[in-house]
Amino acid sequence: MRLNLHRSPLLSKLVLLTAFSLPVNMLVAGETNVSTATSDVSDSGVANLGEQTLLLTGQISSVQSQSFMVPKAGDAWRYQIQWMLPEGSIAEPGQTVVIFDKSQIANQIEQLEASLLRVTAQEQSLSIDLTASVLQAKFDVKQQESELEKSRLDADVPANYIAAKDYAENQFNLMQAGSELSKVEQALKEVLDKQAASKAQLAIERRRAQLELAQALNGLEQLELKAKIKGPVLYGSDPWSNKKFAVGDTVQIGRQIARVPAMEELEVVAWVNEVDVDKLAVGSRVTLRLDSQSAKPFSGSIKNIGRQAQKQPAWGQSNWFKVEVSFAADEDIKIVPGMSVLVSTGAVS
């Protein structure tokens, strides 16, 4: 007799183990990722291992899709999911799909705004003080220039017309006025340099505060993820527990928590265990059955097999290869991204 398995992979495994005691591939704990192999068995109970049917489970996917990752916003490395568009609902372009808790970064924004105001006020206050110092230094220079001019006039009086003592005193006063002018000019230069350096430093601090605030505001916007394409919302799963993410979960940055596949260019994405990958070949025909419409099989073909194995922590220690299947279904079969699919080698029966 021929055993034809089109039901749950778990049921297929149990039937094989209990009825014929034949080895089967590893059944992985998970809703949509299983690979099993079945064999034709003769009436005498001898298995025909040359004709095997490999069973995989996968999902309807789209060549084009948008992933929603936990963003790097602010200083935190984990963010709590505050709200998500219900799974399965159709997201429109521009519609909000995920919102993360914004309280922490909102507090950071308040602190940065206060810091910017403080730096701005400090810049204005110091600018006023430095401007007053510059004006005072310029006044001292003008005053000393007048003293120098007066001393020069006195020193120009010939020694023949005044006493020798007065002439010598006038010459000394001229030298002293010139020295004092040099001092106040140097003081003016130092005040101007200090003013320029202080303004540059405060401008840098103000610019830094502005950039930090702009970055925080941008991070606040990043905590609200919007759809760019139209498609159904599919929640992601924790790679270790295989539990779907939900509102209230705290997830580390970089983790994909949801995706929106496009409604066109659909394909089936399945995973095959490393022990079975050699049994598949690109171009091979396969039979596809939707879990929700199992009575309506349709055909497909393997268009790509991953070259690099990947770990799936929730499924155990085995390695898995990604399998992409193209298909053409009848119009009466309703297909939406995210649907579970059973993939089996061989023609449609």
Protein backbone atom coordinates (compact mmCIF):
# COMPACT_ATOMS: atom_id res chain seq x y z
CA MET A 1 0.00 0.00 0.00
CA ARG A 2 1.09 3.64 -0.54
CA LEU A 3 1.04 6.07 2.34
CA ASN A 4 0.03 9.57 1.17
CA LEU A 5 0.62 12.23 3.86
CA HIS A 6 -1.06 15.57 3.30
CA ARG A 7 -1.89 16.37 6.89
CA SER A 8 0.06 17.78 9.82
CA PRO A 9 3.79 16.88 9.78
CA LEU A 10 3.45 15.83 13.42
CA LEU A 11 0.68 13.38 12.50
CA SER A 12 2.80 12.09 9.59
CA LYS A 13 5.68 11.40 11.91
CA LEU A 14 3.53 9.60 14.41
CA VAL A 15 1.99 7.40 11.71
CA LEU A 16 5.40 6.48 10.32
CA LEU A 17 6.87 5.71 13.73
CA THR A 18 3.98 3.66 15.03
CA ALA A 19 2.86 1.84 11.87
CA PHE A 20 6.13 1.00 10.14
CA SER A 21 8.92 1.83 12.61
CA LEU A 22 10.87 3.58 9.85
CA PRO A 23 13.35 6.41 10.56
CA VAL A 24 12.05 9.90 9.80
CA ASN A 25 13.65 13.30 9.87
CA MET A 26 13.74 15.37 13.00
CA LEU A 27 10.48 17.10 13.90
CA VAL A 28 11.16 20.58 15.15
CA ALA A 29 9.11 22.32 17.77
CA GLY A 30 7.58 25.22 15.89
CA GLU A 31 4.43 26.16 14.08
CA THR A 32 5.76 26.53 10.56
CA ASN A 33 9.20 24.93 10.27
CA VAL A 34 9.29 21.17 9.93
CA SER A 35 10.97 18.75 7.51
CA THR A 36 9.98 15.08 7.31
CA ALA A 37 10.50 12.29 4.82
CA THR A 38 8.02 9.53 3.94
CA SER A 39 8.61 6.26 2.12
CA ASP A 40 6.53 3.93 -0.02
CA VAL A 41 5.94 0.68 1.83
CA SER A 42 4.92 -2.55 0.15
CA ASP A 43 2.20 -4.88 1.43
CA SER A 44 4.91 -7.13 2.82
CA GLY A 45 6.07 -4.29 5.08
CA VAL A 46 9.34 -3.64 3.22
CA ALA A 47 10.09 0.05 2.67
CA ASN A 48 11.02 1.26 -0.81
CA LEU A 49 13.65 3.81 0.22
CA GLY A 50 14.36 4.79 -3.37
CA GLU A 51 11.08 6.77 -3.61
CA GLN A 52 10.95 9.30 -0.81
CA THR A 53 8.63 12.24 -0.38
CA LEU A 54 10.09 15.13 1.55
CA LEU A 55 7.64 17.25 3.51
CA LEU A 56 8.43 20.84 4.51
CA THR A 57 6.30 23.48 6.08
CA GLY A 58 6.71 27.14 5.31
CA GLN A 59 4.85 30.37 4.83
CA ILE A 60 3.54 32.46 1.98
CA SER A 61 5.97 35.34 1.68
CA SER A 62 6.62 38.20 -0.70
CA VAL A 63 9.71 39.07 -2.68
CA GLN A 64 9.21 42.65 -1.52
CA SER A 65 8.60 43.27 2.17
CA GLN A 66 9.30 45.85 4.87
CA SER A 67 10.88 44.82 8.16
CA PHE A 68 10.23 46.66 11.40
CA MET A 69 13.26 46.60 13.70
CA VAL A 70 13.76 47.99 17.19
CA PRO A 71 15.57 51.27 16.39
CA LYS A 72 18.74 52.68 17.94
CA ALA A 73 17.27 55.77 19.54
CA GLY A 74 18.81 57.52 22.51
CA ASP A 75 21.11 55.72 24.94
CA ALA A 76 18.89 52.71 25.73
CA TRP A 77 19.57 49.27 24.27
CA ARG A 78 16.09 47.86 24.90
CA TYR A 79 12.68 49.37 24.27
CA GLN A 80 9.21 48.29 25.32
CA ILE A 81 6.53 47.79 22.67
CA GLN A 82 3.75 50.21 23.54
CA TRP A 83 1.38 49.58 20.64
CA MET A 84 1.18 47.42 17.49
CA LEU A 85 -1.26 47.31 14.61
CA PRO A 86 -3.28 44.07 15.02
CA GLU A 87 -1.66 41.11 13.28
CA GLY A 88 -3.23 40.28 9.93
CA SER A 89 -4.67 43.75 9.39
CA ILE A 90 -3.69 45.47 6.15
CA ALA A 91 -1.27 48.35 6.66
CA GLU A 92 -1.47 51.27 4.25
CA PRO A 93 1.57 53.35 3.24
CA GLY A 94 2.20 56.00 5.89
CA GLN A 95 0.18 54.19 8.55
CA THR A 96 1.75 53.64 11.97
CA VAL A 97 2.51 49.96 12.59
CA VAL A 98 4.59 49.94 15.81
CA ILE A 99 5.06 52.44 18.64
CA PHE A 100 7.71 51.97 21.33
CA ASP A 101 7.74 53.51 24.80
CA LYS A 102 8.97 57.10 24.46
CA SER A 103 9.15 58.10 28.14
CA GLN A 104 12.90 57.62 28.55
CA ILE A 105 13.89 59.57 25.46
CA ALA A 106 11.25 62.21 26.25
CA ASN A 107 12.98 62.83 29.59
CA GLN A 108 16.30 63.03 27.79
CA ILE A 109 14.85 65.63 25.41
CA GLU A 110 13.73 67.78 28.37
CA GLN A 111 17.26 67.67 29.81
CA LEU A 112 18.82 68.54 26.44
CA GLU A 113 16.42 71.45 25.95
CA ALA A 114 17.36 72.78 29.38
CA SER A 115 21.05 72.34 28.55
CA LEU A 116 20.62 74.26 25.29
CA LEU A 117 18.87 77.11 27.10
CA ARG A 118 21.66 77.19 29.69
CA VAL A 119 24.39 77.31 27.06
CA THR A 120 22.53 80.00 25.11
CA ALA A 121 22.07 82.13 28.24
CA GLN A 122 25.73 81.66 29.17
CA GLU A 123 26.78 82.68 25.68
CA GLN A 124 24.69 85.83 25.82
CA SER A 125 25.91 86.77 29.31
CA LEU A 126 29.57 86.21 28.47
CA SER A 127 29.16 88.09 25.21
CA ILE A 128 27.91 91.13 27.11
CA ASP A 129 30.82 90.97 29.60
CA LEU A 130 33.41 90.55 26.86
CA THR A 131 31.92 93.36 24.83
CA ALA A 132 32.18 95.66 27.85
CA SER A 133 35.81 94.60 28.38
CA VAL A 134 36.64 95.31 24.74
CA LEU A 135 35.03 98.75 24.89
CA GLN A 136 36.98 99.57 28.07
CA ALA A 137 40.24 98.39 26.49
CA LYS A 138 39.60 100.49 23.37
CA PHE A 139 38.88 103.53 25.56
CA ASP A 140 42.16 102.98 27.43
CA VAL A 141 44.02 102.87 24.12
CA LYS A 142 42.44 106.12 22.94
CA GLN A 143 43.19 107.80 26.24
CA GLN A 144 46.80 106.64 26.19
CA GLU A 145 47.18 107.79 22.58
CA SER A 146 46.10 111.26 23.73
CA GLU A 147 48.63 111.14 26.58
CA LEU A 148 51.33 110.12 24.13
CA GLU A 149 50.47 112.96 21.79
CA LYS A 150 50.58 115.48 24.66
CA SER A 151 53.91 114.06 25.87
CA ARG A 152 55.30 114.24 22.35
CA LEU A 153 54.36 117.94 22.08
CA ASP A 154 56.07 118.65 25.39
CA ALA A 155 59.14 116.70 24.40
CA ASP A 156 59.44 118.63 21.12
CA VAL A 157 60.19 121.89 23.00
CA PRO A 158 63.92 122.59 22.44
CA ALA A 159 66.23 122.41 25.43
CA ASN A 160 67.34 126.01 24.76
CA TYR A 161 63.89 127.35 25.75
CA ILE A 162 63.31 125.45 29.00
CA ALA A 163 65.31 124.31 31.97
CA ALA A 164 67.41 121.20 31.58
CA LYS A 165 65.45 119.47 34.31
CA ASP A 166 62.10 120.14 32.56
CA TYR A 167 63.50 119.00 29.22
CA ALA A 168 64.69 115.73 30.73
CA GLU A 169 61.35 115.21 32.46
CA ASN A 170 59.49 115.77 29.18
CA GLN A 171 61.62 113.17 27.45
CA PHE A 172 61.01 110.71 30.25
CA ASN A 173 57.24 111.34 30.12
CA LEU A 174 57.30 110.65 26.35
CA MET A 175 59.02 107.34 26.86
CA GLN A 176 56.63 106.41 29.66
CA ALA A 177 53.56 107.36 27.55
CA GLY A 178 54.83 105.20 24.70
CA SER A 179 55.34 102.27 27.08
CA GLU A 180 51.87 102.70 28.57
CA LEU A 181 50.34 102.81 25.09
CA SER A 182 52.04 99.53 24.23
CA LYS A 183 50.62 97.97 27.40
CA VAL A 184 47.03 99.04 26.74
CA GLU A 185 47.30 97.97 23.09
CA GLN A 186 48.50 94.54 24.26
CA ALA A 187 45.64 94.43 26.76
CA LEU A 188 43.17 95.25 23.97
CA LYS A 189 44.62 92.48 21.81
CA GLU A 190 44.29 89.96 24.66
CA VAL A 191 40.67 90.99 25.31
CA LEU A 192 39.84 90.63 21.62
CA ASP A 193 41.52 87.20 21.48
CA LYS A 194 39.66 86.10 24.60
CA GLN A 195 36.40 87.34 23.13
CA ALA A 196 36.96 85.42 19.89
CA ALA A 197 38.04 82.22 21.70
CA SER A 198 35.16 82.36 24.17
CA LYS A 199 32.62 82.97 21.42
CA ALA A 200 34.04 80.06 19.41
CA GLN A 201 33.97 77.73 22.44
CA LEU A 202 30.41 78.71 23.38
CA ALA A 203 29.33 78.35 19.75
CA ILE A 204 30.76 74.80 19.75
CA GLU A 205 28.93 73.96 22.99
CA ARG A 206 25.70 75.45 21.64
CA ARG A 207 26.07 73.55 18.37
CA ARG A 208 26.74 70.32 20.25
CA ALA A 209 23.65 70.86 22.41
CA GLN A 210 21.60 71.55 19.28
CA LEU A 211 22.87 68.39 17.57
CA GLU A 212 22.19 66.24 20.66
CA LEU A 213 18.68 67.67 20.88
CA ALA A 214 18.07 67.13 17.15
CA GLN A 215 19.34 63.55 17.48
CA ALA A 216 17.05 62.90 20.42
CA LEU A 217 14.06 64.38 18.57
CA ASN A 218 14.90 62.20 15.59
CA GLY A 219 15.12 59.21 17.91
CA LEU A 220 11.68 60.08 19.25
CA GLU A 221 10.33 59.92 15.69
CA GLN A 222 12.14 56.61 15.08
CA LEU A 223 10.26 55.03 17.98
CA GLU A 224 7.12 55.25 15.85
CA LEU A 225 7.47 52.97 12.81
CA LYS A 226 5.30 53.54 9.74
CA ALA A 227 4.52 51.35 6.75
CA LYS A 228 6.01 52.21 3.37
CA ILE A 229 4.13 49.56 1.39
CA LYS A 230 0.67 48.03 1.53
CA GLY A 231 0.37 44.58 3.03
CA PRO A 232 -0.69 42.47 6.03
CA VAL A 233 1.08 42.94 9.36
CA LEU A 234 2.94 39.81 10.47
CA TYR A 235 4.41 39.68 13.97
CA GLY A 236 7.94 38.39 14.48
CA SER A 237 8.99 35.81 17.05
CA ASP A 238 11.67 35.62 19.69
CA PRO A 239 14.43 33.41 18.22
CA TRP A 240 14.97 31.56 21.51
CA SER A 241 11.43 30.89 22.68
CA ASN A 242 9.65 31.13 19.29
CA LYS A 243 7.01 33.23 21.08
CA LYS A 244 5.49 36.00 19.01
CA PHE A 245 6.22 39.53 20.13
CA ALA A 246 3.33 41.37 21.77
CA VAL A 247 2.52 44.71 23.32
CA GLY A 248 4.38 45.07 26.61
CA ASP A 249 7.42 43.06 25.54
CA THR A 250 10.82 44.72 26.04
CA VAL A 251 13.03 43.97 23.04
CA GLN A 252 16.68 44.78 22.36
CA ILE A 253 17.63 47.09 19.51
CA GLY A 254 18.09 45.51 16.10
CA ARG A 255 15.52 42.76 16.65
CA GLN A 256 12.83 42.36 13.98
CA ILE A 257 9.45 42.46 15.67
CA ALA A 258 7.17 42.65 12.65
CA ARG A 259 7.12 42.82 8.87
CA VAL A 260 4.74 43.85 6.12
CA PRO A 261 5.03 41.84 2.89
CA ALA A 262 3.70 43.26 -0.35
CA MET A 263 0.57 41.69 -1.81
CA GLU A 264 2.25 40.88 -5.12
CA GLU A 265 5.26 38.77 -6.21
CA LEU A 266 4.36 36.06 -3.70
CA GLU A 267 6.47 32.99 -3.01
CA VAL A 268 6.75 30.23 -0.41
CA VAL A 269 9.64 30.33 2.05
CA ALA A 270 10.36 27.07 3.85
CA TRP A 271 13.26 25.61 5.82
CA VAL A 272 14.88 22.22 5.29
CA ASN A 273 17.04 20.38 7.79
CA GLU A 274 20.69 19.97 6.89
CA VAL A 275 20.27 16.19 6.68
CA ASP A 276 17.66 16.59 3.93
CA VAL A 277 19.01 19.47 1.87
CA ASP A 278 20.77 17.11 -0.58
CA LYS A 279 17.37 15.62 -1.46
CA LEU A 280 16.25 18.92 -3.00
CA ALA A 281 17.31 20.52 -6.26
CA VAL A 282 16.57 23.85 -7.88
CA GLY A 283 13.86 23.41 -10.50
CA SER A 284 12.25 20.39 -8.82
CA ARG A 285 8.45 20.31 -8.87
CA VAL A 286 6.63 20.36 -5.56
CA THR A 287 3.07 20.14 -4.30
CA LEU A 288 1.74 22.95 -2.12
CA ARG A 289 -1.22 22.90 0.24
CA LEU A 290 -2.38 25.80 2.37
CA ASP A 291 -3.22 24.73 5.92
CA SER A 292 -6.43 26.73 5.68
CA GLN A 293 -7.36 25.23 2.27
CA SER A 294 -5.75 21.80 2.34
CA ALA A 295 -8.30 20.32 -0.10
CA LYS A 296 -6.98 22.55 -2.90
CA PRO A 297 -3.42 21.54 -3.76
CA PHE A 298 -1.45 23.48 -6.34
CA SER A 299 1.96 23.09 -7.91
CA GLY A 300 5.21 24.99 -7.58
CA SER A 301 8.91 24.64 -8.23
CA ILE A 302 12.01 25.24 -6.13
CA LYS A 303 13.70 28.41 -7.40
CA ASN A 304 16.44 28.77 -4.82
CA ILE A 305 18.10 26.84 -1.98
CA GLY A 306 20.20 28.76 0.52
CA ARG A 307 23.94 28.17 0.34
CA GLN A 308 24.60 28.81 4.01
CA ALA A 309 22.96 26.96 6.88
CA GLN A 310 21.42 28.98 9.69
CA LYS A 311 20.75 28.24 13.32
CA GLN A 312 17.18 28.39 14.62
CA PRO A 313 17.64 28.39 18.42
CA ALA A 314 14.00 27.62 19.13
CA TRP A 315 14.18 24.44 17.02
CA GLY A 316 17.20 22.80 18.59
CA GLN A 317 20.83 22.38 17.60
CA SER A 318 20.37 21.48 13.93
CA ASN A 319 21.24 23.69 11.00
CA TRP A 320 18.61 24.77 8.48
CA PHE A 321 18.66 25.88 4.87
CA LYS A 322 16.21 28.38 3.41
CA VAL A 323 14.16 27.14 0.46
CA GLU A 324 12.30 29.52 -1.88
CA VAL A 325 9.46 28.13 -3.97
CA SER A 326 7.66 29.84 -6.84
CA PHE A 327 4.08 28.82 -7.59
CA ALA A 328 1.00 29.46 -9.69
CA ALA A 329 -2.33 28.92 -7.91
CA ASP A 330 -5.89 28.86 -9.22
CA GLU A 331 -7.96 32.01 -8.80
CA ASP A 332 -10.33 30.26 -6.40
CA ILE A 333 -7.50 29.79 -3.87
CA LYS A 334 -7.22 32.80 -1.60
CA ILE A 335 -3.55 33.43 -0.82
CA VAL A 336 -2.32 36.06 1.64
CA PRO A 337 1.25 36.53 2.93
CA GLY A 338 1.78 34.79 6.25
CA MET A 339 -0.36 31.73 5.50
CA SER A 340 1.17 28.37 6.50
CA VAL A 341 1.94 26.01 3.62
CA LEU A 342 2.81 22.31 3.42
CA VAL A 343 5.42 21.63 0.72
CA SER A 344 5.93 18.10 -0.57
CA THR A 345 8.01 16.77 -3.41
CA GLY A 346 6.21 15.08 -6.28
CA ALA A 347 3.32 15.98 -8.55
CA VAL A 348 -0.08 17.27 -7.43
CA SER A 349 -2.31 14.39 -6.44
